[in-house]
């Protein structure tokens, strides 16, 4: 849901929907903190800056299905009334180098003049997703230490 009318500002939409919307997650613990489950919210904080459903230009970084990479989605403000063309998606496979992935994300956000304020958040989100997709190494077998090692040597 984005502002599709010229006479309705994104600020007005935020003021009307900030206390109740489908993406709002309220917690009574920790002082009543509020989060957002919006797919275009990079930090999951419930705030005007990161609210993707309000802004005409928003960035979303998500994991690809089956941990096969990273998907970077951007909203196209020119096609706001055409849902099929409103979102551009770029997929970076797991085999793609991570530094090149970061560079491409920075290119899409900062160098094209598209929400440069979200550059660091987008790269941090991509880094966290990439880290979670990394295969885990097996732990080495524990070596006996101290008196257990001495007992084992005496048995031999």
C-alpha atoms as a PDB file:
ATOM      1  CA  UNK A   1       0.000   0.000   0.000  1.00  0.00           C
ATOM      2  CA  UNK A   2       1.646   3.134  -1.122  1.00  0.00           C
ATOM      3  CA  UNK A   3       0.440   6.638  -1.742  1.00  0.00           C
ATOM      4  CA  UNK A   4      -1.075   6.490  -5.215  1.00  0.00           C
ATOM      5  CA  UNK A   5      -2.784   9.881  -5.190  1.00  0.00           C
ATOM      6  CA  UNK A   6      -1.002  13.145  -5.859  1.00  0.00           C
ATOM      7  CA  UNK A   7      -3.008  15.026  -3.240  1.00  0.00           C
ATOM      8  CA  UNK A   8      -2.233  12.563  -0.388  1.00  0.00           C
ATOM      9  CA  UNK A   9       1.247  12.780   1.076  1.00  0.00           C
ATOM     10  CA  UNK A  10       3.198   9.895   2.544  1.00  0.00           C
ATOM     11  CA  UNK A  11       3.326  11.787   5.856  1.00  0.00           C
ATOM     12  CA  UNK A  12      -0.458  11.864   6.033  1.00  0.00           C
ATOM     13  CA  UNK A  13      -0.660   8.133   5.279  1.00  0.00           C
ATOM     14  CA  UNK A  14       1.876   7.462   8.051  1.00  0.00           C
ATOM     15  CA  UNK A  15      -0.038   9.566  10.582  1.00  0.00           C
ATOM     16  CA  UNK A  16      -3.248   7.708   9.782  1.00  0.00           C
ATOM     17  CA  UNK A  17      -1.768   4.196   9.837  1.00  0.00           C
ATOM     18  CA  UNK A  18       1.057   4.341  12.371  1.00  0.00           C
ATOM     19  CA  UNK A  19      -1.022   3.182  15.320  1.00  0.00           C
ATOM     20  CA  UNK A  20      -2.741   0.345  13.461  1.00  0.00           C
ATOM     21  CA  UNK A  21      -1.670  -1.466  10.317  1.00  0.00           C
ATOM     22  CA  UNK A  22      -1.120  -5.022   9.185  1.00  0.00           C
ATOM     23  CA  UNK A  23       2.653  -4.852   9.657  1.00  0.00           C
ATOM     24  CA  UNK A  24       2.652  -3.505  13.234  1.00  0.00           C
ATOM     25  CA  UNK A  25       3.872  -5.950  15.898  1.00  0.00           C
ATOM     26  CA  UNK A  26       3.303  -4.718  19.450  1.00  0.00           C
ATOM     27  CA  UNK A  27       5.030  -6.254  22.473  1.00  0.00           C
ATOM     28  CA  UNK A  28       3.951  -5.649  26.049  1.00  0.00           C
ATOM     29  CA  UNK A  29       7.327  -6.812  27.379  1.00  0.00           C
ATOM     30  CA  UNK A  30      10.312  -4.447  27.418  1.00  0.00           C
ATOM     31  CA  UNK A  31       8.270  -1.305  27.812  1.00  0.00           C
ATOM     32  CA  UNK A  32       5.783  -1.845  24.977  1.00  0.00           C
ATOM     33  CA  UNK A  33       8.267  -1.802  22.106  1.00  0.00           C
ATOM     34  CA  UNK A  34       6.826  -1.824  18.573  1.00  0.00           C
ATOM     35  CA  UNK A  35       8.272  -3.666  15.579  1.00  0.00           C
ATOM     36  CA  UNK A  36       7.306  -3.949  11.927  1.00  0.00           C
ATOM     37  CA  UNK A  37       6.956  -7.055   9.766  1.00  0.00           C
ATOM     38  CA  UNK A  38       6.925  -5.033   6.544  1.00  0.00           C
ATOM     39  CA  UNK A  39       9.011  -6.787   3.828  1.00  0.00           C
ATOM     40  CA  UNK A  40      10.420  -3.413   2.747  1.00  0.00           C
ATOM     41  CA  UNK A  41      11.509  -2.502   6.296  1.00  0.00           C
ATOM     42  CA  UNK A  42      15.250  -3.175   6.623  1.00  0.00           C
ATOM     43  CA  UNK A  43      15.571  -2.811  10.391  1.00  0.00           C
ATOM     44  CA  UNK A  44      12.131  -4.090  11.503  1.00  0.00           C
ATOM     45  CA  UNK A  45      11.697  -0.888  13.535  1.00  0.00           C
ATOM     46  CA  UNK A  46       8.267   0.719  13.492  1.00  0.00           C
ATOM     47  CA  UNK A  47       9.203   4.203  12.285  1.00  0.00           C
ATOM     48  CA  UNK A  48       8.372   6.554   9.423  1.00  0.00           C
ATOM     49  CA  UNK A  49      11.856   6.357   7.896  1.00  0.00           C
ATOM     50  CA  UNK A  50      11.850   2.570   7.503  1.00  0.00           C
ATOM     51  CA  UNK A  51       8.144   2.037   6.700  1.00  0.00           C
ATOM     52  CA  UNK A  52       8.091   0.554   3.220  1.00  0.00           C
ATOM     53  CA  UNK A  53       4.332   0.577   2.784  1.00  0.00           C
ATOM     54  CA  UNK A  54       4.249   4.366   3.181  1.00  0.00           C
ATOM     55  CA  UNK A  55       7.246   5.420   1.111  1.00  0.00           C
ATOM     56  CA  UNK A  56       7.073   5.486  -2.681  1.00  0.00           C
ATOM     57  CA  UNK A  57      10.716   4.426  -2.798  1.00  0.00           C
ATOM     58  CA  UNK A  58      11.676   1.545  -0.527  1.00  0.00           C
ATOM     59  CA  UNK A  59      14.257  -1.236  -0.413  1.00  0.00           C
ATOM     60  CA  UNK A  60      13.766  -4.779   0.816  1.00  0.00           C
ATOM     61  CA  UNK A  61      16.483  -7.403   1.329  1.00  0.00           C
ATOM     62  CA  UNK A  62      15.285 -10.958   1.910  1.00  0.00           C
ATOM     63  CA  UNK A  63      16.656 -14.480   1.729  1.00  0.00           C
ATOM     64  CA  UNK A  64      16.005 -16.442  -1.424  1.00  0.00           C
ATOM     65  CA  UNK A  65      14.049 -19.696  -1.093  1.00  0.00           C
ATOM     66  CA  UNK A  66      16.008 -22.701   0.171  1.00  0.00           C
ATOM     67  CA  UNK A  67      18.966 -20.495   1.193  1.00  0.00           C
ATOM     68  CA  UNK A  68      20.007 -20.065  -2.428  1.00  0.00           C
ATOM     69  CA  UNK A  69      21.059 -16.427  -2.109  1.00  0.00           C
ATOM     70  CA  UNK A  70      19.769 -12.919  -1.480  1.00  0.00           C
ATOM     71  CA  UNK A  71      16.884 -11.051  -3.129  1.00  0.00           C
ATOM     72  CA  UNK A  72      17.009  -7.249  -3.254  1.00  0.00           C
ATOM     73  CA  UNK A  73      13.668  -5.624  -4.044  1.00  0.00           C
ATOM     74  CA  UNK A  74      13.073  -1.974  -4.834  1.00  0.00           C
ATOM     75  CA  UNK A  75       9.816  -0.116  -5.364  1.00  0.00           C
ATOM     76  CA  UNK A  76       9.470   1.793  -8.615  1.00  0.00           C
ATOM     77  CA  UNK A  77       7.584   5.054  -7.920  1.00  0.00           C
ATOM     78  CA  UNK A  78       6.692   5.540 -11.573  1.00  0.00           C
ATOM     79  CA  UNK A  79       4.645   2.324 -11.732  1.00  0.00           C
ATOM     80  CA  UNK A  80       2.883   2.644  -8.393  1.00  0.00           C
ATOM     81  CA  UNK A  81      -0.530   1.888  -9.938  1.00  0.00           C
ATOM     82  CA  UNK A  82       0.769  -1.146 -11.866  1.00  0.00           C
ATOM     83  CA  UNK A  83       1.364  -3.876  -9.265  1.00  0.00           C
ATOM     84  CA  UNK A  84       3.147  -6.244 -11.653  1.00  0.00           C
ATOM     85  CA  UNK A  85       5.697  -3.561 -12.574  1.00  0.00           C
ATOM     86  CA  UNK A  86       5.877  -1.735  -9.227  1.00  0.00           C
ATOM     87  CA  UNK A  87       8.597  -3.944  -7.710  1.00  0.00           C
ATOM     88  CA  UNK A  88      12.017  -4.656  -9.209  1.00  0.00           C
ATOM     89  CA  UNK A  89      13.739  -7.761  -7.848  1.00  0.00           C
ATOM     90  CA  UNK A  90      17.404  -8.685  -8.204  1.00  0.00           C
ATOM     91  CA  UNK A  91      18.655 -12.092  -7.058  1.00  0.00           C
ATOM     92  CA  UNK A  92      22.231 -12.727  -5.985  1.00  0.00           C
ATOM     93  CA  UNK A  93      23.032 -16.438  -5.878  1.00  0.00           C
ATOM     94  CA  UNK A  94      25.098 -18.015  -3.115  1.00  0.00           C
ATOM     95  CA  UNK A  95      28.017 -18.466  -5.525  1.00  0.00           C
ATOM     96  CA  UNK A  96      28.143 -14.714  -6.246  1.00  0.00           C
ATOM     97  CA  UNK A  97      30.984 -13.047  -4.264  1.00  0.00           C
ATOM     98  CA  UNK A  98      29.706 -11.257  -1.175  1.00  0.00           C
ATOM     99  CA  UNK A  99      31.735  -8.084  -1.721  1.00  0.00           C
ATOM    100  CA  UNK A 100      30.302  -7.733  -5.207  1.00  0.00           C
ATOM    101  CA  UNK A 101      26.852  -8.227  -3.717  1.00  0.00           C
ATOM    102  CA  UNK A 102      27.474  -5.369  -1.285  1.00  0.00           C
ATOM    103  CA  UNK A 103      28.755  -3.190  -4.128  1.00  0.00           C
ATOM    104  CA  UNK A 104      25.641  -3.869  -6.211  1.00  0.00           C
ATOM    105  CA  UNK A 105      23.395  -3.046  -3.246  1.00  0.00           C
ATOM    106  CA  UNK A 106      25.249   0.233  -2.717  1.00  0.00           C
ATOM    107  CA  UNK A 107      24.948   0.975  -6.436  1.00  0.00           C
ATOM    108  CA  UNK A 108      21.185   0.431  -6.319  1.00  0.00           C
ATOM    109  CA  UNK A 109      20.715   2.584  -3.237  1.00  0.00           C
ATOM    110  CA  UNK A 110      23.261   5.396  -3.264  1.00  0.00           C
ATOM    111  CA  UNK A 111      24.768   5.871  -6.683  1.00  0.00           C
ATOM    112  CA  UNK A 112      21.439   5.946  -8.499  1.00  0.00           C
ATOM    113  CA  UNK A 113      20.068   8.481  -6.016  1.00  0.00           C
ATOM    114  CA  UNK A 114      17.544   5.988  -4.648  1.00  0.00           C
ATOM    115  CA  UNK A 115      17.218   6.164  -0.845  1.00  0.00           C
ATOM    116  CA  UNK A 116      20.859   6.717   0.016  1.00  0.00           C
ATOM    117  CA  UNK A 117      19.863   6.955   3.696  1.00  0.00           C
ATOM    118  CA  UNK A 118      19.191   3.195   3.696  1.00  0.00           C
ATOM    119  CA  UNK A 119      22.591   2.140   2.315  1.00  0.00           C
ATOM    120  CA  UNK A 120      24.129   0.938   5.584  1.00  0.00           C
ATOM    121  CA  UNK A 121      20.941  -0.844   6.681  1.00  0.00           C
ATOM    122  CA  UNK A 122      20.627  -2.684   3.349  1.00  0.00           C
ATOM    123  CA  UNK A 123      24.240  -3.867   3.438  1.00  0.00           C
ATOM    124  CA  UNK A 124      23.895  -4.946   7.089  1.00  0.00           C
ATOM    125  CA  UNK A 125      20.736  -6.912   6.302  1.00  0.00           C
ATOM    126  CA  UNK A 126      22.409  -8.627   3.316  1.00  0.00           C
ATOM    127  CA  UNK A 127      25.421  -9.456   5.485  1.00  0.00           C
ATOM    128  CA  UNK A 128      23.244 -11.019   8.191  1.00  0.00           C
ATOM    129  CA  UNK A 129      21.355 -13.107   5.623  1.00  0.00           C
ATOM    130  CA  UNK A 130      24.587 -14.250   3.973  1.00  0.00           C
ATOM    131  CA  UNK A 131      26.037 -15.191   7.384  1.00  0.00           C
ATOM    132  CA  UNK A 132      22.928 -17.229   8.234  1.00  0.00           C
ATOM    133  CA  UNK A 133      23.199 -19.127   4.938  1.00  0.00           C
ATOM    134  CA  UNK A 134      26.814 -20.130   5.545  1.00  0.00           C
ATOM    135  CA  UNK A 135      27.299 -23.846   6.119  1.00  0.00           C
ATOM    136  CA  UNK A 136      28.252 -24.747   9.651  1.00  0.00           C
ATOM    137  CA  UNK A 137      31.563 -26.487  10.308  1.00  0.00           C
ATOM    138  CA  UNK A 138      31.640 -29.653  12.395  1.00  0.00           C
ATOM    139  CA  UNK A 139      33.160 -29.208  15.815  1.00  0.00           C
ATOM    140  CA  UNK A 140      36.416 -31.079  16.344  1.00  0.00           C
ATOM    141  CA  UNK A 141      36.470 -33.920  18.885  1.00  0.00           C
ATOM    142  CA  UNK A 142      37.278 -32.752  22.382  1.00  0.00           C
ATOM    143  CA  UNK A 143      40.766 -33.626  23.569  1.00  0.00           C
ATOM    144  CA  UNK A 144      41.218 -34.835  27.164  1.00  0.00           C
ATOM    145  CA  UNK A 145      42.977 -32.341  29.397  1.00  0.00           C
ATOM    146  CA  UNK A 146      44.610 -32.432  32.794  1.00  0.00           C
ATOM    147  CA  UNK A 147      44.095 -35.544  34.929  1.00  0.00           C
ATOM    148  CA  UNK A 148      42.025 -37.282  32.233  1.00  0.00           C
ATOM    149  CA  UNK A 149      44.950 -37.059  29.822  1.00  0.00           C
ATOM    150  CA  UNK A 150      47.354 -38.402  32.429  1.00  0.00           C
ATOM    151  CA  UNK A 151      45.030 -41.367  33.157  1.00  0.00           C
ATOM    152  CA  UNK A 152      44.770 -42.175  29.467  1.00  0.00           C
ATOM    153  CA  UNK A 153      48.580 -42.186  29.090  1.00  0.00           C
ATOM    154  CA  UNK A 154      48.994 -44.498  32.114  1.00  0.00           C
ATOM    155  CA  UNK A 155      46.561 -47.030  30.645  1.00  0.00           C
ATOM    156  CA  UNK A 156      48.690 -47.371  27.541  1.00  0.00           C
END
